[in-house]
Amino acid sequence: MNPLERENYLIIQVMQACLGLISDSVRGISVQVDTERITLYFSVSNRSPELEEDIDDIQFELDAFTEGRFYIDAEVHDGPPDEEWPGHPWRKIYMESHRRYES
């Protein structure tokens, strides 16, 4: 598997691990893949015990999907997923969208 195929495969594994665990307080998620490490970057609007548990669950699921071959780290940023967000330069897998519904 070439490096891009490997990274794409791992990104898909991260997305699978996130299914059902992205709460309303998550504003963005990006992923950095290195040789032995996967770093998940979360941009959030509101930290809570439930959010921390969801992030732990994502890490656990990803570890299972990758059969423990990587060190999986998560960084949480309180604020928008803008240029100041540490996850900004990495592969983005989720960005919140704002929609207004008129009645």
PDB file of N, CA and C in Angstrom:
ATOM      1  N   MET A   1       0.858  -1.173   0.000  1.00  0.00           N
ATOM      2  CA  MET A   1       0.000   0.000   0.000  1.00  0.00           C
ATOM      3  C   MET A   1       0.907   1.239   0.000  1.00  0.00           C
ATOM      4  N   ASN A   2       0.670   2.142  -0.938  1.00  0.00           N
ATOM      5  CA  ASN A   2       1.495   3.356  -0.964  1.00  0.00           C
ATOM      6  C   ASN A   2       1.041   4.306   0.159  1.00  0.00           C
ATOM      7  N   PRO A   3       1.848   5.333   0.477  1.00  0.00           N
ATOM      8  CA  PRO A   3       1.523   6.209   1.615  1.00  0.00           C
ATOM      9  C   PRO A   3       0.152   6.876   1.525  1.00  0.00           C
ATOM     10  N   LEU A   4      -0.264   7.309   0.339  1.00  0.00           N
ATOM     11  CA  LEU A   4      -1.570   7.953   0.212  1.00  0.00           C
ATOM     12  C   LEU A   4      -2.702   6.954   0.430  1.00  0.00           C
ATOM     13  N   GLU A   5      -2.566   5.752  -0.108  1.00  0.00           N
ATOM     14  CA  GLU A   5      -3.581   4.713   0.114  1.00  0.00           C
ATOM     15  C   GLU A   5      -3.674   4.369   1.595  1.00  0.00           C
ATOM     16  N   ARG A   6      -2.526   4.283   2.260  1.00  0.00           N
ATOM     17  CA  ARG A   6      -2.495   3.984   3.702  1.00  0.00           C
ATOM     18  C   ARG A   6      -3.203   5.083   4.484  1.00  0.00           C
ATOM     19  N   GLU A   7      -2.877   6.350   4.172  1.00  0.00           N
ATOM     20  CA  GLU A   7      -3.521   7.457   4.876  1.00  0.00           C
ATOM     21  C   GLU A   7      -5.018   7.462   4.622  1.00  0.00           C
ATOM     22  N   ASN A   8      -5.431   7.264   3.380  1.00  0.00           N
ATOM     23  CA  ASN A   8      -6.856   7.230   3.065  1.00  0.00           C
ATOM     24  C   ASN A   8      -7.564   6.106   3.811  1.00  0.00           C
ATOM     25  N   TYR A   9      -6.935   4.939   3.883  1.00  0.00           N
ATOM     26  CA  TYR A   9      -7.510   3.811   4.622  1.00  0.00           C
ATOM     27  C   TYR A   9      -7.693   4.188   6.100  1.00  0.00           C
ATOM     28  N   LEU A  10      -6.676   4.803   6.693  1.00  0.00           N
ATOM     29  CA  LEU A  10      -6.758   5.177   8.104  1.00  0.00           C
ATOM     30  C   LEU A  10      -7.793   6.273   8.338  1.00  0.00           C
ATOM     31  N   ILE A  11      -7.934   7.203   7.409  1.00  0.00           N
ATOM     32  CA  ILE A  11      -8.955   8.246   7.529  1.00  0.00           C
ATOM     33  C   ILE A  11     -10.343   7.602   7.536  1.00  0.00           C
ATOM     34  N   ILE A  12     -10.548   6.619   6.691  1.00  0.00           N
ATOM     35  CA  ILE A  12     -11.837   5.904   6.665  1.00  0.00           C
ATOM     36  C   ILE A  12     -12.079   5.202   7.998  1.00  0.00           C
ATOM     37  N   GLN A  13     -11.027   4.643   8.590  1.00  0.00           N
ATOM     38  CA  GLN A  13     -11.169   3.998   9.893  1.00  0.00           C
ATOM     39  C   GLN A  13     -11.568   5.017  10.964  1.00  0.00           C
ATOM     40  N   VAL A  14     -10.989   6.211  10.902  1.00  0.00           N
ATOM     41  CA  VAL A  14     -11.351   7.273  11.850  1.00  0.00           C
ATOM     42  C   VAL A  14     -12.819   7.647  11.667  1.00  0.00           C
ATOM     43  N   MET A  15     -13.240   7.811  10.426  1.00  0.00           N
ATOM     44  CA  MET A  15     -14.636   8.173  10.166  1.00  0.00           C
ATOM     45  C   MET A  15     -15.580   7.098  10.694  1.00  0.00           C
ATOM     46  N   GLN A  16     -15.224   5.853  10.521  1.00  0.00           N
ATOM     47  CA  GLN A  16     -16.032   4.744  11.038  1.00  0.00           C
ATOM     48  C   GLN A  16     -16.110   4.811  12.565  1.00  0.00           C
ATOM     49  N   ALA A  17     -14.989   5.107  13.208  1.00  0.00           N
ATOM     50  CA  ALA A  17     -14.956   5.192  14.669  1.00  0.00           C
ATOM     51  C   ALA A  17     -15.818   6.343  15.191  1.00  0.00           C
ATOM     52  N   CYS A  18     -15.974   7.389  14.389  1.00  0.00           N
ATOM     53  CA  CYS A  18     -16.744   8.572  14.810  1.00  0.00           C
ATOM     54  C   CYS A  18     -18.253   8.413  14.646  1.00  0.00           C
ATOM     55  N   LEU A  19     -18.689   7.410  13.907  1.00  0.00           N
ATOM     56  CA  LEU A  19     -20.124   7.268  13.637  1.00  0.00           C
ATOM     57  C   LEU A  19     -20.937   7.229  14.926  1.00  0.00           C
ATOM     58  N   GLY A  20     -21.910   8.108  15.006  1.00  0.00           N
ATOM     59  CA  GLY A  20     -22.802   8.164  16.161  1.00  0.00           C
ATOM     60  C   GLY A  20     -22.216   8.851  17.377  1.00  0.00           C
ATOM     61  N   LEU A  21     -20.983   9.354  17.275  1.00  0.00           N
ATOM     62  CA  LEU A  21     -20.331   9.951  18.443  1.00  0.00           C
ATOM     63  C   LEU A  21     -19.998  11.425  18.268  1.00  0.00           C
ATOM     64  N   ILE A  22     -20.489  12.056  17.220  1.00  0.00           N
ATOM     65  CA  ILE A  22     -20.235  13.475  17.006  1.00  0.00           C
ATOM     66  C   ILE A  22     -21.431  14.254  17.556  1.00  0.00           C
ATOM     67  N   SER A  23     -21.203  14.905  18.683  1.00  0.00           N
ATOM     68  CA  SER A  23     -22.290  15.636  19.345  1.00  0.00           C
ATOM     69  C   SER A  23     -22.409  17.049  18.775  1.00  0.00           C
ATOM     70  N   ASP A  24     -23.433  17.761  19.218  1.00  0.00           N
ATOM     71  CA  ASP A  24     -23.681  19.123  18.749  1.00  0.00           C
ATOM     72  C   ASP A  24     -22.565  20.088  19.128  1.00  0.00           C
ATOM     73  N   SER A  25     -21.797  19.763  20.159  1.00  0.00           N
ATOM     74  CA  SER A  25     -20.734  20.682  20.577  1.00  0.00           C
ATOM     75  C   SER A  25     -19.462  20.541  19.739  1.00  0.00           C
ATOM     76  N   VAL A  26     -19.397  19.523  18.882  1.00  0.00           N
ATOM     77  CA  VAL A  26     -18.224  19.351  18.012  1.00  0.00           C
ATOM     78  C   VAL A  26     -18.392  20.258  16.804  1.00  0.00           C
ATOM     79  N   ARG A  27     -17.385  21.100  16.577  1.00  0.00           N
ATOM     80  CA  ARG A  27     -17.429  22.047  15.459  1.00  0.00           C
ATOM     81  C   ARG A  27     -16.565  21.588  14.292  1.00  0.00           C
ATOM     82  N   GLY A  28     -15.562  20.759  14.576  1.00  0.00           N
ATOM     83  CA  GLY A  28     -14.694  20.257  13.519  1.00  0.00           C
ATOM     84  C   GLY A  28     -13.835  19.113  14.025  1.00  0.00           C
ATOM     85  N   ILE A  29     -13.469  18.221  13.108  1.00  0.00           N
ATOM     86  CA  ILE A  29     -12.553  17.129  13.420  1.00  0.00           C
ATOM     87  C   ILE A  29     -11.577  17.025  12.256  1.00  0.00           C
ATOM     88  N   SER A  30     -10.290  16.965  12.586  1.00  0.00           N
ATOM     89  CA  SER A  30      -9.287  16.703  11.560  1.00  0.00           C
ATOM     90  C   SER A  30      -8.342  15.624  12.076  1.00  0.00           C
ATOM     91  N   VAL A  31      -7.574  15.059  11.145  1.00  0.00           N
ATOM     92  CA  VAL A  31      -6.741  13.900  11.458  1.00  0.00           C
ATOM     93  C   VAL A  31      -5.346  14.098  10.884  1.00  0.00           C
ATOM     94  N   GLN A  32      -4.346  13.803  11.703  1.00  0.00           N
ATOM     95  CA  GLN A  32      -2.955  13.778  11.259  1.00  0.00           C
ATOM     96  C   GLN A  32      -2.471  12.347  11.389  1.00  0.00           C
ATOM     97  N   VAL A  33      -1.968  11.782  10.300  1.00  0.00           N
ATOM     98  CA  VAL A  33      -1.476  10.404  10.303  1.00  0.00           C
ATOM     99  C   VAL A  33       0.033  10.430  10.130  1.00  0.00           C
ATOM    100  N   ASP A  34       0.735   9.815  11.074  1.00  0.00           N
ATOM    101  CA  ASP A  34       2.180   9.640  10.991  1.00  0.00           C
ATOM    102  C   ASP A  34       2.478   8.145  10.960  1.00  0.00           C
ATOM    103  N   THR A  35       3.747   7.809  10.944  1.00  0.00           N
ATOM    104  CA  THR A  35       4.154   6.412  10.847  1.00  0.00           C
ATOM    105  C   THR A  35       3.582   5.550  11.966  1.00  0.00           C
ATOM    106  N   GLU A  36       3.668   6.032  13.204  1.00  0.00           N
ATOM    107  CA  GLU A  36       3.222   5.237  14.350  1.00  0.00           C
ATOM    108  C   GLU A  36       2.150   5.925  15.182  1.00  0.00           C
ATOM    109  N   ARG A  37       1.649   7.060  14.719  1.00  0.00           N
ATOM    110  CA  ARG A  37       0.707   7.856  15.513  1.00  0.00           C
ATOM    111  C   ARG A  37      -0.416   8.390  14.642  1.00  0.00           C
ATOM    112  N   ILE A  38      -1.600   8.405  15.230  1.00  0.00           N
ATOM    113  CA  ILE A  38      -2.751   9.085  14.634  1.00  0.00           C
ATOM    114  C   ILE A  38      -3.200  10.126  15.652  1.00  0.00           C
ATOM    115  N   THR A  39      -3.238  11.382  15.234  1.00  0.00           N
ATOM    116  CA  THR A  39      -3.688  12.447  16.120  1.00  0.00           C
ATOM    117  C   THR A  39      -5.028  12.964  15.616  1.00  0.00           C
ATOM    118  N   LEU A  40      -6.004  12.974  16.514  1.00  0.00           N
ATOM    119  CA  LEU A  40      -7.337  13.485  16.224  1.00  0.00           C
ATOM    120  C   LEU A  40      -7.437  14.883  16.832  1.00  0.00           C
ATOM    121  N   TYR A  41      -7.838  15.849  16.024  1.00  0.00           N
ATOM    122  CA  TYR A  41      -7.999  17.222  16.486  1.00  0.00           C
ATOM    123  C   TYR A  41      -9.484  17.553  16.500  1.00  0.00           C
ATOM    124  N   PHE A  42      -9.964  17.962  17.657  1.00  0.00           N
ATOM    125  CA  PHE A  42     -11.374  18.328  17.818  1.00  0.00           C
ATOM    126  C   PHE A  42     -11.480  19.814  18.099  1.00  0.00           C
ATOM    127  N   SER A  43     -12.356  20.482  17.385  1.00  0.00           N
ATOM    128  CA  SER A  43     -12.727  21.859  17.675  1.00  0.00           C
ATOM    129  C   SER A  43     -14.109  21.777  18.307  1.00  0.00           C
ATOM    130  N   VAL A  44     -14.260  22.346  19.511  1.00  0.00           N
ATOM    131  CA  VAL A  44     -15.523  22.205  20.223  1.00  0.00           C
ATOM    132  C   VAL A  44     -16.023  23.552  20.735  1.00  0.00           C
ATOM    133  N   SER A  45     -17.328  23.636  20.907  1.00  0.00           N
ATOM    134  CA  SER A  45     -17.933  24.856  21.441  1.00  0.00           C
ATOM    135  C   SER A  45     -18.192  24.746  22.934  1.00  0.00           C
ATOM    136  N   ASN A  46     -18.260  23.514  23.445  1.00  0.00           N
ATOM    137  CA  ASN A  46     -18.609  23.326  24.850  1.00  0.00           C
ATOM    138  C   ASN A  46     -18.087  21.980  25.338  1.00  0.00           C
ATOM    139  N   ARG A  47     -17.111  22.015  26.228  1.00  0.00           N
ATOM    140  CA  ARG A  47     -16.609  20.760  26.808  1.00  0.00           C
ATOM    141  C   ARG A  47     -17.584  20.255  27.857  1.00  0.00           C
ATOM    142  N   SER A  48     -17.693  18.938  27.920  1.00  0.00           N
ATOM    143  CA  SER A  48     -18.555  18.322  28.923  1.00  0.00           C
ATOM    144  C   SER A  48     -18.035  16.916  29.184  1.00  0.00           C
ATOM    145  N   PRO A  49     -18.453  16.312  30.293  1.00  0.00           N
ATOM    146  CA  PRO A  49     -18.062  14.922  30.544  1.00  0.00           C
ATOM    147  C   PRO A  49     -18.533  13.986  29.428  1.00  0.00           C
ATOM    148  N   GLU A  50     -19.696  14.280  28.864  1.00  0.00           N
ATOM    149  CA  GLU A  50     -20.215  13.444  27.779  1.00  0.00           C
ATOM    150  C   GLU A  50     -19.323  13.545  26.538  1.00  0.00           C
ATOM    151  N   LEU A  51     -18.864  14.758  26.235  1.00  0.00           N
ATOM    152  CA  LEU A  51     -17.971  14.962  25.095  1.00  0.00           C
ATOM    153  C   LEU A  51     -16.659  14.207  25.311  1.00  0.00           C
ATOM    154  N   GLU A  52     -16.100  14.330  26.505  1.00  0.00           N
ATOM    155  CA  GLU A  52     -14.848  13.626  26.815  1.00  0.00           C
ATOM    156  C   GLU A  52     -15.033  12.111  26.662  1.00  0.00           C
ATOM    157  N   GLU A  53     -16.179  11.605  27.098  1.00  0.00           N
ATOM    158  CA  GLU A  53     -16.467  10.178  26.959  1.00  0.00           C
ATOM    159  C   GLU A  53     -16.587   9.786  25.487  1.00  0.00           C
ATOM    160  N   ASP A  54     -17.223  10.625  24.685  1.00  0.00           N
ATOM    161  CA  ASP A  54     -17.339  10.346  23.255  1.00  0.00           C
ATOM    162  C   ASP A  54     -15.963  10.306  22.594  1.00  0.00           C
ATOM    163  N   ILE A  55     -15.087  11.228  22.948  1.00  0.00           N
ATOM    164  CA  ILE A  55     -13.732  11.244  22.384  1.00  0.00           C
ATOM    165  C   ILE A  55     -12.970   9.997  22.808  1.00  0.00           C
ATOM    166  N   ASP A  56     -13.108   9.609  24.073  1.00  0.00           N
ATOM    167  CA  ASP A  56     -12.483   8.360  24.539  1.00  0.00           C
ATOM    168  C   ASP A  56     -13.018   7.163  23.751  1.00  0.00           C
ATOM    169  N   ASP A  57     -14.321   7.150  23.503  1.00  0.00           N
ATOM    170  CA  ASP A  57     -14.926   6.050  22.740  1.00  0.00           C
ATOM    171  C   ASP A  57     -14.398   6.012  21.307  1.00  0.00           C
ATOM    172  N   ILE A  58     -14.222   7.176  20.697  1.00  0.00           N
ATOM    173  CA  ILE A  58     -13.678   7.236  19.342  1.00  0.00           C
ATOM    174  C   ILE A  58     -12.261   6.666  19.330  1.00  0.00           C
ATOM    175  N   GLN A  59     -11.454   7.057  20.307  1.00  0.00           N
ATOM    176  CA  GLN A  59     -10.089   6.537  20.386  1.00  0.00           C
ATOM    177  C   GLN A  59     -10.087   5.021  20.586  1.00  0.00           C
ATOM    178  N   PHE A  60     -10.968   4.534  21.443  1.00  0.00           N
ATOM    179  CA  PHE A  60     -11.061   3.098  21.699  1.00  0.00           C
ATOM    180  C   PHE A  60     -11.447   2.341  20.433  1.00  0.00           C
ATOM    181  N   GLU A  61     -12.477   2.836  19.738  1.00  0.00           N
ATOM    182  CA  GLU A  61     -12.930   2.186  18.508  1.00  0.00           C
ATOM    183  C   GLU A  61     -11.830   2.196  17.450  1.00  0.00           C
ATOM    184  N   LEU A  62     -11.156   3.331  17.305  1.00  0.00           N
ATOM    185  CA  LEU A  62     -10.088   3.433  16.317  1.00  0.00           C
ATOM    186  C   LEU A  62      -8.942   2.477  16.649  1.00  0.00           C
ATOM    187  N   ASP A  63      -8.619   2.357  17.914  1.00  0.00           N
ATOM    188  CA  ASP A  63      -7.585   1.406  18.334  1.00  0.00           C
ATOM    189  C   ASP A  63      -7.989  -0.024  17.954  1.00  0.00           C
ATOM    190  N   ALA A  64      -9.254  -0.356  18.136  1.00  0.00           N
ATOM    191  CA  ALA A  64      -9.736  -1.692  17.765  1.00  0.00           C
ATOM    192  C   ALA A  64      -9.677  -1.886  16.251  1.00  0.00           C
ATOM    193  N   PHE A  65     -10.110  -0.881  15.494  1.00  0.00           N
ATOM    194  CA  PHE A  65     -10.106  -0.982  14.031  1.00  0.00           C
ATOM    195  C   PHE A  65      -8.697  -1.129  13.469  1.00  0.00           C
ATOM    196  N   THR A  66      -7.720  -0.495  14.121  1.00  0.00           N
ATOM    197  CA  THR A  66      -6.343  -0.538  13.631  1.00  0.00           C
ATOM    198  C   THR A  66      -5.509  -1.596  14.354  1.00  0.00           C
ATOM    199  N   GLU A  67      -6.182  -2.411  15.150  1.00  0.00           N
ATOM    200  CA  GLU A  67      -5.557  -3.542  15.850  1.00  0.00           C
ATOM    201  C   GLU A  67      -4.366  -3.128  16.709  1.00  0.00           C
ATOM    202  N   GLY A  68      -4.462  -1.941  17.314  1.00  0.00           N
ATOM    203  CA  GLY A  68      -3.444  -1.480  18.248  1.00  0.00           C
ATOM    204  C   GLY A  68      -2.102  -1.144  17.626  1.00  0.00           C
ATOM    205  N   ARG A  69      -2.054  -0.925  16.330  1.00  0.00           N
ATOM    206  CA  ARG A  69      -0.773  -0.662  15.655  1.00  0.00           C
ATOM    207  C   ARG A  69      -0.320   0.786  15.754  1.00  0.00           C
ATOM    208  N   PHE A  70      -1.167   1.676  16.292  1.00  0.00           N
ATOM    209  CA  PHE A  70      -0.838   3.096  16.345  1.00  0.00           C
ATOM    210  C   PHE A  70      -1.078   3.646  17.743  1.00  0.00           C
ATOM    211  N   TYR A  71      -0.284   4.647  18.098  1.00  0.00           N
ATOM    212  CA  TYR A  71      -0.587   5.438  19.277  1.00  0.00           C
ATOM    213  C   TYR A  71      -1.632   6.452  18.822  1.00  0.00           C
ATOM    214  N   ILE A  72      -2.758   6.507  19.511  1.00  0.00           N
ATOM    215  CA  ILE A  72      -3.857   7.391  19.109  1.00  0.00           C
ATOM    216  C   ILE A  72      -3.999   8.491  20.147  1.00  0.00           C
ATOM    217  N   ASP A  73      -3.828   9.706  19.690  1.00  0.00           N
ATOM    218  CA  ASP A  73      -3.853  10.870  20.551  1.00  0.00           C
ATOM    219  C   ASP A  73      -5.007  11.781  20.129  1.00  0.00           C
ATOM    220  N   ALA A  74      -5.552  12.526  21.068  1.00  0.00           N
ATOM    221  CA  ALA A  74      -6.617  13.485  20.754  1.00  0.00           C
ATOM    222  C   ALA A  74      -6.280  14.827  21.393  1.00  0.00           C
ATOM    223  N   GLU A  75      -6.464  15.884  20.611  1.00  0.00           N
ATOM    224  CA  GLU A  75      -6.298  17.243  21.108  1.00  0.00           C
ATOM    225  C   GLU A  75      -7.623  17.966  20.946  1.00  0.00           C
ATOM    226  N   VAL A  76      -8.057  18.618  22.026  1.00  0.00           N
ATOM    227  CA  VAL A  76      -9.338  19.317  22.014  1.00  0.00           C
ATOM    228  C   VAL A  76      -9.082  20.817  22.112  1.00  0.00           C
ATOM    229  N   HIS A  77      -9.664  21.544  21.175  1.00  0.00           N
ATOM    230  CA  HIS A  77      -9.528  23.000  21.095  1.00  0.00           C
ATOM    231  C   HIS A  77     -10.884  23.630  21.377  1.00  0.00           C
ATOM    232  N   ASP A  78     -10.920  24.494  22.375  1.00  0.00           N
ATOM    233  CA  ASP A  78     -12.151  25.235  22.678  1.00  0.00           C
ATOM    234  C   ASP A  78     -12.202  26.452  21.768  1.00  0.00           C
ATOM    235  N   GLY A  79     -13.005  26.357  20.741  1.00  0.00           N
ATOM    236  CA  GLY A  79     -13.132  27.476  19.823  1.00  0.00           C
ATOM    237  C   GLY A  79     -13.437  26.993  18.424  1.00  0.00           C
ATOM    238  N   PRO A  80     -13.563  27.941  17.503  1.00  0.00           N
ATOM    239  CA  PRO A  80     -13.950  27.599  16.140  1.00  0.00           C
ATOM    240  C   PRO A  80     -12.820  26.887  15.381  1.00  0.00           C
ATOM    241  N   PRO A  81     -13.167  26.160  14.336  1.00  0.00           N
ATOM    242  CA  PRO A  81     -12.152  25.495  13.516  1.00  0.00           C
ATOM    243  C   PRO A  81     -11.559  26.461  12.488  1.00  0.00           C
ATOM    244  N   ASP A  82     -10.938  27.521  13.002  1.00  0.00           N
ATOM    245  CA  ASP A  82     -10.356  28.531  12.126  1.00  0.00           C
ATOM    246  C   ASP A  82      -8.846  28.313  12.009  1.00  0.00           C
ATOM    247  N   GLU A  83      -8.128  29.311  11.530  1.00  0.00           N
ATOM    248  CA  GLU A  83      -6.693  29.183  11.339  1.00  0.00           C
ATOM    249  C   GLU A  83      -5.923  28.987  12.646  1.00  0.00           C
ATOM    250  N   GLU A  84      -6.507  29.371  13.759  1.00  0.00           N
ATOM    251  CA  GLU A  84      -5.866  29.207  15.072  1.00  0.00           C
ATOM    252  C   GLU A  84      -6.015  27.793  15.623  1.00  0.00           C
ATOM    253  N   TRP A  85      -6.937  27.039  15.077  1.00  0.00           N
ATOM    254  CA  TRP A  85      -7.187  25.663  15.512  1.00  0.00           C
ATOM    255  C   TRP A  85      -5.986  24.794  15.148  1.00  0.00           C
ATOM    256  N   PRO A  86      -5.412  24.055  16.100  1.00  0.00           N
ATOM    257  CA  PRO A  86      -4.268  23.199  15.783  1.00  0.00           C
ATOM    258  C   PRO A  86      -4.561  22.158  14.696  1.00  0.00           C
ATOM    259  N   GLY A  87      -5.821  21.817  14.493  1.00  0.00           N
ATOM    260  CA  GLY A  87      -6.177  20.842  13.474  1.00  0.00           C
ATOM    261  C   GLY A  87      -6.331  21.425  12.083  1.00  0.00           C
ATOM    262  N   HIS A  88      -6.207  22.747  11.975  1.00  0.00           N
ATOM    263  CA  HIS A  88      -6.450  23.419  10.692  1.00  0.00           C
ATOM    264  C   HIS A  88      -5.633  22.855   9.524  1.00  0.00           C
ATOM    265  N   PRO A  89      -4.324  22.573   9.687  1.00  0.00           N
ATOM    266  CA  PRO A  89      -3.557  22.125   8.509  1.00  0.00           C
ATOM    267  C   PRO A  89      -3.758  20.655   8.124  1.00  0.00           C
ATOM    268  N   TRP A  90      -4.484  19.897   8.922  1.00  0.00           N
ATOM    269  CA  TRP A  90      -4.574  18.452   8.687  1.00  0.00           C
ATOM    270  C   TRP A  90      -5.857  18.072   7.954  1.00  0.00           C
ATOM    271  N   ARG A  91      -6.007  16.786   7.659  1.00  0.00           N
ATOM    272  CA  ARG A  91      -7.165  16.294   6.888  1.00  0.00           C
ATOM    273  C   ARG A  91      -8.441  16.461   7.692  1.00  0.00           C
ATOM    274  N   LYS A  92      -9.347  17.249   7.180  1.00  0.00           N
ATOM    275  CA  LYS A  92     -10.609  17.504   7.871  1.00  0.00           C
ATOM    276  C   LYS A  92     -11.622  16.439   7.474  1.00  0.00           C
ATOM    277  N   ILE A  93     -12.240  15.838   8.496  1.00  0.00           N
ATOM    278  CA  ILE A  93     -13.246  14.813   8.215  1.00  0.00           C
ATOM    279  C   ILE A  93     -14.639  15.261   8.637  1.00  0.00           C
ATOM    280  N   TYR A  94     -14.710  16.344   9.418  1.00  0.00           N
ATOM    281  CA  TYR A  94     -16.015  16.854   9.838  1.00  0.00           C
ATOM    282  C   TYR A  94     -15.887  18.346  10.102  1.00  0.00           C
ATOM    283  N   MET A  95     -16.822  19.117   9.554  1.00  0.00           N
ATOM    284  CA  MET A  95     -16.923  20.543   9.844  1.00  0.00           C
ATOM    285  C   MET A  95     -18.405  20.845  10.020  1.00  0.00           C
ATOM    286  N   GLU A  96     -18.741  21.525  11.108  1.00  0.00           N
ATOM    287  CA  GLU A  96     -20.140  21.849  11.345  1.00  0.00           C
ATOM    288  C   GLU A  96     -20.662  22.757  10.239  1.00  0.00           C
ATOM    289  N   SER A  97     -21.946  22.681  10.014  1.00  0.00           N
ATOM    290  CA  SER A  97     -22.569  23.604   9.060  1.00  0.00           C
ATOM    291  C   SER A  97     -23.686  24.326   9.793  1.00  0.00           C
ATOM    292  N   HIS A  98     -23.834  25.570   9.485  1.00  0.00           N
ATOM    293  CA  HIS A  98     -24.898  26.362  10.090  1.00  0.00           C
ATOM    294  C   HIS A  98     -26.018  26.484   9.071  1.00  0.00           C
ATOM    295  N   ARG A  99     -27.185  26.086   9.489  1.00  0.00           N
ATOM    296  CA  ARG A  99     -28.355  26.203   8.619  1.00  0.00           C
ATOM    297  C   ARG A  99     -29.443  26.928   9.383  1.00  0.00           C
ATOM    298  N   ARG A 100     -30.082  27.810   8.705  1.00  0.00           N
ATOM    299  CA  ARG A 100     -31.202  28.507   9.302  1.00  0.00           C
ATOM    300  C   ARG A 100     -32.459  28.049   8.603  1.00  0.00           C
ATOM    301  N   TYR A 101     -33.425  27.694   9.407  1.00  0.00           N
ATOM    302  CA  TYR A 101     -34.705  27.249   8.855  1.00  0.00           C
ATOM    303  C   TYR A 101     -35.749  28.306   9.196  1.00  0.00           C
ATOM    304  N   GLU A 102     -36.398  28.742   8.196  1.00  0.00           N
ATOM    305  CA  GLU A 102     -37.446  29.747   8.381  1.00  0.00           C
ATOM    306  C   GLU A 102     -38.792  29.049   8.451  1.00  0.00           C
ATOM    307  N   SER A 103     -39.627  29.508   9.361  1.00  0.00           N
ATOM    308  CA  SER A 103     -40.958  28.894   9.461  1.00  0.00           C
ATOM    309  C   SER A 103     -41.993  29.733   8.769  1.00  0.00           C
TER     310      SER A 103
END
